[in-house]
């Protein structure tokens, strides 16, 4: 009879050795505890990327439709410190917004902020009715120029705060409405490069 691999020795239970560590939000969101993560050693936590609902980070239920990505940068007695890596709007929210007889215009821009941080900002604009390609191109160019202008004038932390407060989306919507009536503007994803 063949020996099974279980006969070689008893498995060690590593889960029993783990402890729970509190994870704090990045400084721009107020350094409060937003999650917990299991670890064996403090060094194992560094570099770990966590995805957390934005409503947990801000404490505002209006932000339920997006999630934030944070990376653990260091561990102290109080918990793990994090830095902002990116955010993303939940896919269901985008699919719910896109309807027939309207046009979807996507813009992907790599923008450099005032403090020399590079952000990839992905913007989604929906028009009220279907539009032809020339109108789409005009709106896409306008969106890109607004994103680049805002990034040049602000720091990384300020632009992240403005995105979460819908200030940039409103600015794009007002400017693009002069070209064609706009239904919806969303910055669907940001990434720190």
N, C-alpha and C. Protein backbone atom coordinates (compact mmCIF):
# COMPACT_ATOMS: atom_id res chain seq x y z
N UNK A 1 0.83 -1.19 0.00
CA UNK A 1 0.00 0.00 0.00
C UNK A 1 0.87 1.25 0.00
N UNK A 2 0.43 2.25 -0.69
CA UNK A 2 1.18 3.50 -0.74
C UNK A 2 0.96 4.31 0.52
N UNK A 3 2.04 4.94 0.96
CA UNK A 3 1.93 5.77 2.16
C UNK A 3 1.32 7.12 1.79
N UNK A 4 0.48 7.64 2.64
CA UNK A 4 -0.08 8.97 2.39
C UNK A 4 0.89 10.02 2.91
N UNK A 5 0.74 11.22 2.42
CA UNK A 5 1.64 12.30 2.84
C UNK A 5 1.35 12.74 4.27
N UNK A 6 0.22 12.36 4.81
CA UNK A 6 -0.14 12.77 6.17
C UNK A 6 0.66 12.00 7.23
N UNK A 7 1.16 10.84 6.86
CA UNK A 7 1.89 10.01 7.81
C UNK A 7 3.28 10.55 8.13
N UNK A 8 3.80 11.45 7.34
CA UNK A 8 5.16 11.95 7.52
C UNK A 8 5.33 12.73 8.82
N UNK A 9 4.32 13.38 9.28
CA UNK A 9 4.42 14.15 10.51
C UNK A 9 3.22 15.05 10.66
N UNK A 10 3.01 15.46 11.87
CA UNK A 10 1.85 16.31 12.13
C UNK A 10 2.12 17.72 11.61
N UNK A 11 1.11 18.34 11.05
CA UNK A 11 1.24 19.72 10.58
C UNK A 11 1.24 20.66 11.76
N UNK A 12 2.01 21.73 11.64
CA UNK A 12 2.03 22.73 12.70
C UNK A 12 0.92 23.73 12.44
N UNK A 13 0.27 24.13 13.50
CA UNK A 13 -0.82 25.09 13.37
C UNK A 13 -0.24 26.50 13.50
N UNK A 14 -0.01 27.15 12.34
CA UNK A 14 0.56 28.50 12.37
C UNK A 14 -0.49 29.55 12.71
N UNK A 15 -1.75 29.22 12.51
CA UNK A 15 -2.80 30.20 12.80
C UNK A 15 -2.85 30.55 14.28
N UNK A 16 -2.55 29.59 15.13
CA UNK A 16 -2.58 29.84 16.57
C UNK A 16 -1.48 30.81 17.00
N UNK A 17 -0.40 30.89 16.24
CA UNK A 17 0.71 31.80 16.57
C UNK A 17 0.43 33.24 16.16
N UNK A 18 -0.53 33.45 15.27
CA UNK A 18 -0.78 34.79 14.73
C UNK A 18 -1.45 35.69 15.75
N UNK A 19 -1.14 36.99 15.62
CA UNK A 19 -1.79 37.99 16.45
C UNK A 19 -2.44 39.01 15.52
N UNK A 20 -3.44 39.70 16.03
CA UNK A 20 -4.14 40.69 15.22
C UNK A 20 -3.52 42.06 15.45
N UNK A 21 -3.22 42.75 14.35
CA UNK A 21 -2.62 44.07 14.44
C UNK A 21 -3.59 45.11 13.87
N UNK A 22 -3.74 46.21 14.58
CA UNK A 22 -4.60 47.30 14.11
C UNK A 22 -3.90 48.02 12.95
N UNK A 23 -4.69 48.37 11.94
CA UNK A 23 -4.18 49.10 10.77
C UNK A 23 -4.78 50.49 10.80
N UNK A 24 -3.90 51.52 10.75
CA UNK A 24 -4.36 52.90 10.78
C UNK A 24 -4.47 53.47 9.37
N UNK A 25 -5.40 54.39 9.21
CA UNK A 25 -5.60 55.05 7.92
C UNK A 25 -4.42 55.96 7.61
N UNK A 26 -4.18 56.29 6.34
CA UNK A 26 -3.14 57.27 6.00
C UNK A 26 -3.43 58.62 6.66
N UNK A 27 -2.40 59.43 6.78
CA UNK A 27 -2.51 60.71 7.49
C UNK A 27 -3.60 61.61 6.90
N UNK A 28 -3.82 61.56 5.59
CA UNK A 28 -4.83 62.43 4.99
C UNK A 28 -6.25 62.07 5.42
N UNK A 29 -6.43 60.85 5.91
CA UNK A 29 -7.74 60.41 6.38
C UNK A 29 -7.85 60.37 7.89
N UNK A 30 -6.83 60.83 8.61
CA UNK A 30 -6.97 61.03 10.05
C UNK A 30 -6.34 60.01 10.98
N UNK A 31 -5.45 59.15 10.53
CA UNK A 31 -4.71 58.23 11.42
C UNK A 31 -5.58 57.44 12.38
N UNK A 32 -6.80 57.11 12.01
CA UNK A 32 -7.63 56.30 12.92
C UNK A 32 -7.61 54.85 12.47
N UNK A 33 -7.93 53.94 13.38
CA UNK A 33 -7.90 52.51 13.07
C UNK A 33 -9.04 52.18 12.11
N UNK A 34 -8.69 51.55 10.99
CA UNK A 34 -9.68 51.24 9.97
C UNK A 34 -9.86 49.74 9.75
N UNK A 35 -8.89 48.94 10.19
CA UNK A 35 -8.97 47.50 9.97
C UNK A 35 -8.01 46.78 10.91
N UNK A 36 -8.05 45.46 10.86
CA UNK A 36 -7.09 44.63 11.58
C UNK A 36 -6.61 43.56 10.63
N UNK A 37 -5.35 43.16 10.81
CA UNK A 37 -4.78 42.13 9.96
C UNK A 37 -3.99 41.13 10.81
N UNK A 38 -4.06 39.83 10.47
CA UNK A 38 -3.30 38.85 11.24
C UNK A 38 -1.84 38.78 10.78
N UNK A 39 -0.92 38.70 11.75
CA UNK A 39 0.51 38.58 11.43
C UNK A 39 1.19 37.65 12.43
N UNK A 40 2.31 37.06 12.02
CA UNK A 40 3.14 36.28 12.94
C UNK A 40 4.26 37.17 13.47
N UNK A 41 4.95 37.87 12.55
CA UNK A 41 6.02 38.79 12.92
C UNK A 41 5.69 40.17 12.36
N UNK A 42 6.18 41.21 13.03
CA UNK A 42 5.93 42.57 12.57
C UNK A 42 6.50 42.82 11.18
N UNK A 43 7.63 42.21 10.88
CA UNK A 43 8.27 42.41 9.57
C UNK A 43 7.42 41.86 8.43
N UNK A 44 6.58 40.87 8.72
CA UNK A 44 5.75 40.28 7.66
C UNK A 44 4.64 41.22 7.22
N UNK A 45 4.28 42.19 8.05
CA UNK A 45 3.18 43.10 7.72
C UNK A 45 3.61 44.18 6.73
N UNK A 46 4.87 44.60 6.77
CA UNK A 46 5.33 45.69 5.92
C UNK A 46 5.23 45.31 4.44
N UNK A 47 4.68 46.23 3.66
CA UNK A 47 4.51 46.01 2.23
C UNK A 47 3.18 45.38 1.86
N UNK A 48 2.42 44.93 2.83
CA UNK A 48 1.12 44.30 2.57
C UNK A 48 0.14 45.37 2.10
N UNK A 49 -0.61 45.07 1.03
CA UNK A 49 -1.60 46.00 0.49
C UNK A 49 -2.99 45.52 0.90
N UNK A 50 -3.76 46.43 1.49
CA UNK A 50 -5.11 46.11 1.94
C UNK A 50 -6.12 46.92 1.14
N UNK A 51 -7.27 46.32 0.86
CA UNK A 51 -8.36 46.99 0.16
C UNK A 51 -9.51 47.15 1.16
N UNK A 52 -9.90 48.39 1.42
CA UNK A 52 -10.87 48.69 2.47
C UNK A 52 -11.96 49.58 1.88
N UNK A 53 -13.24 49.37 2.23
CA UNK A 53 -14.29 50.26 1.75
C UNK A 53 -14.04 51.70 2.21
N UNK A 54 -14.26 52.65 1.32
CA UNK A 54 -14.01 54.05 1.64
C UNK A 54 -14.89 54.54 2.78
N UNK A 55 -16.08 53.97 2.93
CA UNK A 55 -16.97 54.39 4.02
C UNK A 55 -16.37 54.04 5.38
N UNK A 56 -15.56 52.99 5.46
CA UNK A 56 -14.88 52.64 6.71
C UNK A 56 -13.78 53.65 7.03
N UNK A 57 -13.13 54.16 6.00
CA UNK A 57 -12.01 55.08 6.18
C UNK A 57 -12.51 56.48 6.56
N UNK A 58 -13.52 56.97 5.85
CA UNK A 58 -14.00 58.33 6.09
C UNK A 58 -15.07 58.41 7.16
N UNK A 59 -15.74 57.29 7.44
CA UNK A 59 -16.83 57.30 8.40
C UNK A 59 -18.12 57.86 7.82
N UNK A 60 -18.15 58.07 6.51
CA UNK A 60 -19.30 58.63 5.82
C UNK A 60 -19.89 57.56 4.89
N UNK A 61 -21.16 57.21 5.11
CA UNK A 61 -21.78 56.14 4.33
C UNK A 61 -21.96 56.51 2.86
N UNK A 62 -21.89 57.79 2.52
CA UNK A 62 -22.02 58.21 1.11
C UNK A 62 -20.89 57.63 0.25
N UNK A 63 -19.77 57.27 0.88
CA UNK A 63 -18.62 56.75 0.15
C UNK A 63 -18.63 55.23 0.03
N UNK A 64 -19.81 54.61 0.16
CA UNK A 64 -19.90 53.15 0.11
C UNK A 64 -19.55 52.60 -1.27
N UNK A 65 -19.63 53.42 -2.30
CA UNK A 65 -19.46 52.94 -3.67
C UNK A 65 -18.01 52.82 -4.12
N UNK A 66 -17.07 53.17 -3.25
CA UNK A 66 -15.66 53.05 -3.65
C UNK A 66 -14.84 52.39 -2.55
N UNK A 67 -13.70 51.88 -2.95
CA UNK A 67 -12.79 51.25 -1.98
C UNK A 67 -11.40 51.83 -2.16
N UNK A 68 -10.64 51.82 -1.09
CA UNK A 68 -9.32 52.42 -1.07
C UNK A 68 -8.28 51.31 -0.89
N UNK A 69 -7.12 51.49 -1.52
CA UNK A 69 -6.00 50.57 -1.34
C UNK A 69 -4.92 51.28 -0.55
N UNK A 70 -4.46 50.65 0.53
CA UNK A 70 -3.39 51.21 1.35
C UNK A 70 -2.30 50.16 1.52
N UNK A 71 -1.04 50.63 1.63
CA UNK A 71 0.10 49.75 1.84
C UNK A 71 0.66 50.01 3.23
N UNK A 72 0.94 48.95 3.97
CA UNK A 72 1.53 49.09 5.30
C UNK A 72 3.00 49.47 5.14
N UNK A 73 3.38 50.60 5.75
CA UNK A 73 4.74 51.11 5.62
C UNK A 73 5.60 50.82 6.83
N UNK A 74 5.00 50.75 7.99
CA UNK A 74 5.76 50.50 9.20
C UNK A 74 4.85 50.03 10.32
N UNK A 75 5.47 49.40 11.31
CA UNK A 75 4.71 48.86 12.43
C UNK A 75 5.23 49.49 13.72
N UNK A 76 4.30 49.94 14.57
CA UNK A 76 4.67 50.48 15.88
C UNK A 76 3.80 49.80 16.94
N UNK A 77 3.95 50.21 18.17
CA UNK A 77 3.16 49.62 19.26
C UNK A 77 1.67 49.90 19.09
N UNK A 78 1.34 51.07 18.53
CA UNK A 78 -0.07 51.46 18.36
C UNK A 78 -0.75 50.75 17.20
N UNK A 79 0.02 50.25 16.26
CA UNK A 79 -0.55 49.59 15.09
C UNK A 79 0.31 49.80 13.86
N UNK A 80 -0.23 49.45 12.72
CA UNK A 80 0.49 49.57 11.46
C UNK A 80 0.15 50.89 10.78
N UNK A 81 1.19 51.61 10.36
CA UNK A 81 1.01 52.86 9.61
C UNK A 81 0.89 52.53 8.13
N UNK A 82 0.09 53.31 7.42
CA UNK A 82 -0.16 53.01 6.01
C UNK A 82 0.05 54.24 5.13
N UNK A 83 0.18 53.97 3.83
CA UNK A 83 0.23 55.04 2.83
C UNK A 83 -0.80 54.73 1.76
N UNK A 84 -1.28 55.78 1.11
CA UNK A 84 -2.28 55.66 0.06
C UNK A 84 -1.64 55.06 -1.19
N UNK A 85 -2.28 54.05 -1.78
CA UNK A 85 -1.79 53.44 -3.01
C UNK A 85 -2.75 53.74 -4.17
N UNK A 86 -4.05 53.77 -3.88
CA UNK A 86 -5.02 54.04 -4.93
C UNK A 86 -6.44 53.86 -4.44
N UNK A 87 -7.37 54.16 -5.31
CA UNK A 87 -8.78 53.92 -4.99
C UNK A 87 -9.48 53.44 -6.26
N UNK A 88 -10.63 52.81 -6.07
CA UNK A 88 -11.39 52.31 -7.21
C UNK A 88 -12.87 52.33 -6.87
N UNK A 89 -13.67 52.76 -7.83
CA UNK A 89 -15.12 52.73 -7.66
C UNK A 89 -15.57 51.30 -7.92
N UNK A 90 -16.52 50.83 -7.14
CA UNK A 90 -17.02 49.46 -7.26
C UNK A 90 -17.60 49.28 -8.66
N UNK A 91 -17.31 48.15 -9.27
CA UNK A 91 -17.71 47.88 -10.66
C UNK A 91 -19.23 47.95 -10.83
N UNK A 92 -19.99 47.50 -9.84
CA UNK A 92 -21.45 47.53 -9.93
C UNK A 92 -21.98 48.95 -10.09
N UNK A 93 -21.34 49.90 -9.43
CA UNK A 93 -21.76 51.30 -9.51
C UNK A 93 -21.60 51.83 -10.94
N UNK A 94 -20.50 51.47 -11.58
CA UNK A 94 -20.27 51.92 -12.96
C UNK A 94 -21.25 51.26 -13.91
N UNK A 95 -21.46 49.95 -13.76
CA UNK A 95 -22.39 49.25 -14.64
C UNK A 95 -23.82 49.75 -14.47
N UNK A 96 -24.18 50.14 -13.26
CA UNK A 96 -25.51 50.67 -12.99
C UNK A 96 -25.71 52.03 -13.65
N UNK A 97 -24.62 52.79 -13.80
CA UNK A 97 -24.71 54.14 -14.35
C UNK A 97 -24.77 54.15 -15.88
N UNK A 98 -24.09 53.20 -16.52
CA UNK A 98 -24.03 53.18 -17.98
C UNK A 98 -25.34 52.62 -18.52
N UNK A 99 -25.99 53.38 -19.40
CA UNK A 99 -27.28 52.99 -19.96
C UNK A 99 -27.25 53.05 -21.49
N UNK A 100 -28.27 52.46 -22.10
CA UNK A 100 -28.40 52.54 -23.56
C UNK A 100 -28.68 53.98 -23.97
N UNK A 101 -28.33 54.28 -25.19
CA UNK A 101 -28.58 55.57 -25.81
C UNK A 101 -27.79 56.70 -25.17
N UNK A 102 -26.74 56.37 -24.45
CA UNK A 102 -25.82 57.39 -23.96
C UNK A 102 -24.41 56.95 -24.34
N UNK A 103 -23.49 57.87 -24.33
CA UNK A 103 -22.11 57.54 -24.71
C UNK A 103 -21.21 57.52 -23.48
N UNK A 104 -20.33 56.56 -23.45
CA UNK A 104 -19.34 56.44 -22.38
C UNK A 104 -18.00 56.93 -22.91
N UNK A 105 -17.40 57.87 -22.18
CA UNK A 105 -16.12 58.43 -22.58
C UNK A 105 -15.12 58.19 -21.45
N UNK A 106 -14.10 57.39 -21.74
CA UNK A 106 -13.07 57.09 -20.75
C UNK A 106 -11.81 57.88 -21.05
N UNK A 107 -11.16 58.35 -20.00
CA UNK A 107 -9.91 59.08 -20.14
C UNK A 107 -8.93 58.55 -19.11
N UNK A 108 -7.73 58.20 -19.55
CA UNK A 108 -6.68 57.70 -18.65
C UNK A 108 -5.50 58.66 -18.75
N UNK A 109 -5.17 59.29 -17.62
CA UNK A 109 -4.12 60.31 -17.61
C UNK A 109 -3.08 60.02 -16.54
N UNK A 110 -1.80 60.13 -16.91
CA UNK A 110 -0.71 60.07 -15.94
C UNK A 110 -0.32 61.51 -15.63
N UNK A 111 -0.67 61.95 -14.42
CA UNK A 111 -0.45 63.34 -14.04
C UNK A 111 0.59 63.44 -12.94
N UNK A 112 1.41 64.48 -13.01
CA UNK A 112 2.42 64.72 -12.00
C UNK A 112 1.93 65.84 -11.09
N UNK A 113 1.97 65.60 -9.77
CA UNK A 113 1.47 66.59 -8.81
C UNK A 113 2.55 67.62 -8.47
N UNK A 114 2.14 68.59 -7.69
CA UNK A 114 3.04 69.67 -7.28
C UNK A 114 4.24 69.14 -6.49
N UNK A 115 4.03 68.07 -5.70
CA UNK A 115 5.11 67.49 -4.90
C UNK A 115 5.79 66.31 -5.61
N UNK A 116 5.78 66.31 -6.95
CA UNK A 116 6.46 65.34 -7.81
C UNK A 116 6.04 63.89 -7.60
N UNK A 117 4.79 63.65 -7.29
CA UNK A 117 4.24 62.30 -7.23
C UNK A 117 3.48 62.07 -8.53
N UNK A 118 3.56 60.85 -9.06
CA UNK A 118 2.88 60.54 -10.30
C UNK A 118 1.63 59.73 -10.00
N UNK A 119 0.49 60.19 -10.49
CA UNK A 119 -0.79 59.52 -10.30
C UNK A 119 -1.37 59.14 -11.66
N UNK A 120 -1.92 57.94 -11.75
CA UNK A 120 -2.71 57.57 -12.92
C UNK A 120 -4.17 57.75 -12.54
N UNK A 121 -4.85 58.63 -13.25
CA UNK A 121 -6.24 58.96 -12.94
C UNK A 121 -7.11 58.53 -14.12
N UNK A 122 -8.08 57.65 -13.83
CA UNK A 122 -8.98 57.15 -14.86
C UNK A 122 -10.36 57.76 -14.64
N UNK A 123 -10.80 58.53 -15.63
CA UNK A 123 -12.05 59.27 -15.53
C UNK A 123 -13.09 58.69 -16.48
N UNK A 124 -14.34 58.69 -16.02
CA UNK A 124 -15.47 58.21 -16.82
C UNK A 124 -16.47 59.34 -16.94
N UNK A 125 -16.86 59.66 -18.17
CA UNK A 125 -17.87 60.68 -18.43
C UNK A 125 -18.99 60.03 -19.23
N UNK A 126 -20.23 60.24 -18.80
CA UNK A 126 -21.40 59.74 -19.53
C UNK A 126 -22.22 60.92 -20.03
N UNK A 127 -22.59 60.87 -21.31
CA UNK A 127 -23.43 61.93 -21.87
C UNK A 127 -24.89 61.52 -21.78
N UNK A 128 -25.79 62.50 -21.92
CA UNK A 128 -27.22 62.21 -21.83
C UNK A 128 -27.74 61.44 -23.04
N UNK A 129 -27.17 61.72 -24.20
CA UNK A 129 -27.55 61.03 -25.45
C UNK A 129 -26.28 60.55 -26.14
N UNK A 130 -26.46 59.71 -27.14
CA UNK A 130 -25.31 59.25 -27.91
C UNK A 130 -24.70 60.39 -28.69
N UNK A 131 -23.37 60.42 -28.72
CA UNK A 131 -22.68 61.48 -29.45
C UNK A 131 -21.71 60.87 -30.44
N UNK A 132 -21.31 61.68 -31.43
CA UNK A 132 -20.38 61.16 -32.41
C UNK A 132 -18.94 61.26 -31.88
N UNK A 133 -18.01 60.73 -32.63
CA UNK A 133 -16.62 60.60 -32.19
C UNK A 133 -15.95 61.95 -31.97
N UNK A 134 -16.26 62.94 -32.76
CA UNK A 134 -15.61 64.24 -32.61
C UNK A 134 -15.99 64.88 -31.26
N UNK A 135 -17.23 64.74 -30.83
CA UNK A 135 -17.65 65.27 -29.54
C UNK A 135 -16.97 64.48 -28.41
N UNK A 136 -16.87 63.17 -28.57
CA UNK A 136 -16.18 62.35 -27.58
C UNK A 136 -14.73 62.80 -27.42
N UNK A 137 -14.07 63.05 -28.56
CA UNK A 137 -12.67 63.47 -28.52
C UNK A 137 -12.51 64.82 -27.82
N UNK A 138 -13.44 65.75 -28.09
CA UNK A 138 -13.38 67.06 -27.43
C UNK A 138 -13.53 66.94 -25.92
N UNK A 139 -14.50 66.13 -25.50
CA UNK A 139 -14.73 65.94 -24.05
C UNK A 139 -13.53 65.25 -23.41
N UNK A 140 -12.95 64.26 -24.09
CA UNK A 140 -11.78 63.55 -23.57
C UNK A 140 -10.59 64.50 -23.42
N UNK A 141 -10.36 65.36 -24.42
CA UNK A 141 -9.26 66.34 -24.35
C UNK A 141 -9.49 67.32 -23.20
N UNK A 142 -10.71 67.78 -23.05
CA UNK A 142 -11.04 68.71 -21.97
C UNK A 142 -10.82 68.07 -20.60
N UNK A 143 -11.27 66.83 -20.46
CA UNK A 143 -11.09 66.10 -19.20
C UNK A 143 -9.62 65.95 -18.87
N UNK A 144 -8.81 65.56 -19.86
CA UNK A 144 -7.37 65.39 -19.64
C UNK A 144 -6.71 66.70 -19.23
N UNK A 145 -7.07 67.79 -19.90
CA UNK A 145 -6.45 69.08 -19.57
C UNK A 145 -6.83 69.53 -18.17
N UNK A 146 -8.08 69.31 -17.75
CA UNK A 146 -8.50 69.69 -16.39
C UNK A 146 -7.75 68.87 -15.36
N UNK A 147 -7.62 67.57 -15.58
CA UNK A 147 -6.92 66.70 -14.64
C UNK A 147 -5.45 67.11 -14.51
N UNK A 148 -4.79 67.38 -15.65
CA UNK A 148 -3.38 67.79 -15.61
C UNK A 148 -3.20 69.14 -14.93
N UNK A 149 -4.09 70.09 -15.21
CA UNK A 149 -3.99 71.42 -14.59
C UNK A 149 -4.18 71.34 -13.08
N UNK A 150 -5.14 70.55 -12.62
CA UNK A 150 -5.39 70.41 -11.19
C UNK A 150 -4.20 69.73 -10.51
N UNK A 151 -3.65 68.70 -11.17
CA UNK A 151 -2.52 67.97 -10.59
C UNK A 151 -1.29 68.86 -10.44
N UNK A 152 -1.02 69.70 -11.45
CA UNK A 152 0.14 70.60 -11.38
C UNK A 152 0.03 71.60 -10.23
N UNK A 153 -1.21 72.01 -9.92
CA UNK A 153 -1.43 73.06 -8.93
C UNK A 153 -1.57 72.53 -7.50
N UNK A 154 -1.76 71.22 -7.31
CA UNK A 154 -2.03 70.69 -5.98
C UNK A 154 -1.06 69.56 -5.61
N UNK A 155 -1.04 69.22 -4.33
CA UNK A 155 -0.22 68.11 -3.85
C UNK A 155 -1.01 66.81 -3.99
N UNK A 156 -0.32 65.70 -3.80
CA UNK A 156 -0.97 64.38 -3.89
C UNK A 156 -2.10 64.26 -2.88
N UNK A 157 -1.85 64.67 -1.64
CA UNK A 157 -2.87 64.55 -0.60
C UNK A 157 -4.10 65.39 -0.92
N UNK A 158 -3.88 66.59 -1.44
CA UNK A 158 -5.00 67.48 -1.76
C UNK A 158 -5.84 66.94 -2.91
N UNK A 159 -5.18 66.39 -3.93
CA UNK A 159 -5.93 65.88 -5.08
C UNK A 159 -6.74 64.63 -4.68
N UNK A 160 -6.19 63.81 -3.80
CA UNK A 160 -6.93 62.63 -3.30
C UNK A 160 -8.15 63.08 -2.50
N UNK A 161 -7.96 64.08 -1.66
CA UNK A 161 -9.07 64.62 -0.86
C UNK A 161 -10.15 65.20 -1.78
N UNK A 162 -9.74 65.94 -2.81
CA UNK A 162 -10.70 66.54 -3.75
C UNK A 162 -11.47 65.48 -4.54
N UNK A 163 -10.80 64.39 -4.90
CA UNK A 163 -11.48 63.31 -5.62
C UNK A 163 -12.55 62.68 -4.73
N UNK A 164 -12.21 62.45 -3.46
CA UNK A 164 -13.16 61.81 -2.55
C UNK A 164 -14.32 62.73 -2.17
N UNK A 165 -14.12 64.03 -2.28
CA UNK A 165 -15.19 64.99 -2.00
C UNK A 165 -15.94 65.41 -3.27
N UNK A 166 -15.64 64.77 -4.42
CA UNK A 166 -16.29 65.03 -5.71
C UNK A 166 -16.08 66.45 -6.25
N UNK A 167 -15.05 67.13 -5.83
CA UNK A 167 -14.79 68.49 -6.32
C UNK A 167 -14.29 68.47 -7.76
N UNK A 168 -13.39 67.56 -8.07
CA UNK A 168 -12.84 67.49 -9.43
C UNK A 168 -13.90 67.00 -10.41
N UNK A 169 -14.71 66.04 -9.99
CA UNK A 169 -15.77 65.53 -10.85
C UNK A 169 -16.76 66.65 -11.22
N UNK A 170 -17.10 67.49 -10.25
CA UNK A 170 -18.03 68.61 -10.52
C UNK A 170 -17.40 69.60 -11.49
N UNK A 171 -16.11 69.85 -11.32
CA UNK A 171 -15.41 70.79 -12.20
C UNK A 171 -15.41 70.27 -13.64
N UNK A 172 -15.16 68.98 -13.82
CA UNK A 172 -15.16 68.38 -15.16
C UNK A 172 -16.58 68.42 -15.75
N UNK A 173 -17.58 68.12 -14.92
CA UNK A 173 -18.96 68.10 -15.38
C UNK A 173 -19.41 69.48 -15.87
N UNK A 174 -19.08 70.52 -15.12
CA UNK A 174 -19.47 71.89 -15.51
C UNK A 174 -18.80 72.29 -16.81
N UNK A 175 -17.50 71.99 -16.94
CA UNK A 175 -16.77 72.37 -18.16
C UNK A 175 -17.25 71.57 -19.37
N UNK A 176 -17.48 70.27 -19.20
CA UNK A 176 -17.89 69.42 -20.32
C UNK A 176 -19.34 69.69 -20.74
N UNK A 177 -20.16 70.20 -19.84
CA UNK A 177 -21.56 70.51 -20.18
C UNK A 177 -21.66 71.62 -21.22
N UNK A 178 -20.62 72.41 -21.36
CA UNK A 178 -20.61 73.46 -22.39
C UNK A 178 -20.45 72.85 -23.78
N UNK A 179 -19.89 71.65 -23.86
CA UNK A 179 -19.72 70.96 -25.14
C UNK A 179 -20.98 70.15 -25.46
N UNK A 180 -21.45 69.36 -24.45
CA UNK A 180 -22.63 68.52 -24.63
C UNK A 180 -23.20 68.20 -23.26
N UNK A 181 -24.54 68.07 -23.12
CA UNK A 181 -25.12 67.77 -21.79
C UNK A 181 -24.55 66.48 -21.19
N UNK A 182 -24.10 66.59 -19.95
CA UNK A 182 -23.43 65.49 -19.26
C UNK A 182 -24.39 64.88 -18.23
N UNK A 183 -24.41 63.56 -18.18
CA UNK A 183 -25.25 62.85 -17.23
C UNK A 183 -24.49 62.54 -15.93
N UNK A 184 -23.21 62.17 -16.08
CA UNK A 184 -22.50 61.61 -14.94
C UNK A 184 -20.99 61.72 -15.18
N UNK A 185 -20.24 62.12 -14.15
CA UNK A 185 -18.77 62.13 -14.22
C UNK A 185 -18.25 61.44 -12.97
N UNK A 186 -17.33 60.51 -13.17
CA UNK A 186 -16.75 59.79 -12.03
C UNK A 186 -15.28 59.53 -12.28
N UNK A 187 -14.46 59.74 -11.27
CA UNK A 187 -13.07 59.29 -11.35
C UNK A 187 -13.10 57.88 -10.80
N UNK A 188 -13.06 56.92 -11.72
CA UNK A 188 -13.32 55.53 -11.34
C UNK A 188 -12.14 54.84 -10.74
N UNK A 189 -10.92 55.35 -10.99
CA UNK A 189 -9.76 54.68 -10.42
C UNK A 189 -8.58 55.65 -10.35
N UNK A 190 -7.81 55.57 -9.27
CA UNK A 190 -6.53 56.28 -9.17
C UNK A 190 -5.48 55.28 -8.71
N UNK A 191 -4.26 55.47 -9.20
CA UNK A 191 -3.15 54.63 -8.79
C UNK A 191 -1.94 55.52 -8.58
N UNK A 192 -1.19 55.24 -7.53
CA UNK A 192 0.06 55.93 -7.28
C UNK A 192 1.15 55.20 -8.03
N UNK A 193 1.83 55.88 -8.95
CA UNK A 193 2.86 55.22 -9.77
C UNK A 193 4.24 55.37 -9.14
